Protein backbone atom coordinates (compact mmCIF):
# COMPACT_ATOMS: atom_id res chain seq x y z
CA UNK A 1 7.55 -70.82 10.18
CA UNK A 2 8.27 -67.60 11.92
CA UNK A 3 7.93 -64.33 10.07
CA UNK A 4 11.66 -63.72 10.48
CA UNK A 5 12.47 -67.02 8.76
CA UNK A 6 10.18 -66.17 5.86
CA UNK A 7 11.73 -62.71 5.50
CA UNK A 8 15.21 -64.27 5.53
CA UNK A 9 14.25 -66.82 2.86
CA UNK A 10 12.69 -64.13 0.69
CA UNK A 11 15.77 -61.95 1.06
CA UNK A 12 18.05 -64.82 0.06
CA UNK A 13 15.84 -65.68 -2.90
CA UNK A 14 15.86 -62.06 -4.06
CA UNK A 15 19.66 -61.90 -3.86
CA UNK A 16 19.97 -65.14 -5.82
CA UNK A 17 17.50 -64.01 -8.48
CA UNK A 18 19.23 -60.64 -8.80
CA UNK A 19 22.55 -62.43 -9.28
CA UNK A 20 21.06 -64.76 -11.88
CA UNK A 21 19.51 -61.79 -13.70
CA UNK A 22 22.82 -59.91 -13.75
CA UNK A 23 24.60 -62.98 -15.13
CA UNK A 24 21.88 -63.41 -17.77
CA UNK A 25 22.15 -59.76 -18.87
CA UNK A 26 25.94 -60.02 -19.05
CA UNK A 27 25.68 -63.20 -21.11
CA UNK A 28 23.27 -61.58 -23.57
CA UNK A 29 25.50 -58.49 -23.91
CA UNK A 30 28.55 -60.69 -24.52
CA UNK A 31 26.65 -62.68 -27.16
CA UNK A 32 25.51 -59.48 -28.86
CA UNK A 33 29.04 -58.07 -28.86
CA UNK A 34 30.37 -61.32 -30.31
CA UNK A 35 27.65 -61.32 -32.98
CA UNK A 36 28.42 -57.70 -33.95
CA UNK A 37 32.11 -58.49 -34.18
CA UNK A 38 31.54 -61.56 -36.37
CA UNK A 39 29.16 -59.61 -38.60
CA UNK A 40 31.62 -56.76 -39.07
CA UNK A 41 34.42 -59.23 -39.84
CA UNK A 42 32.32 -60.72 -42.64
CA UNK A 43 31.65 -57.36 -44.29
């Protein structure tokens, strides 16, 4: 493979991983918010 191809693949992988990470963080924050809300409703 040419160096340019490798750089392109790495760039695409980084973008995909960054997107997955952002989605994961958002999911965790949403779960935490939901948990806090349910806990406060029970009190």
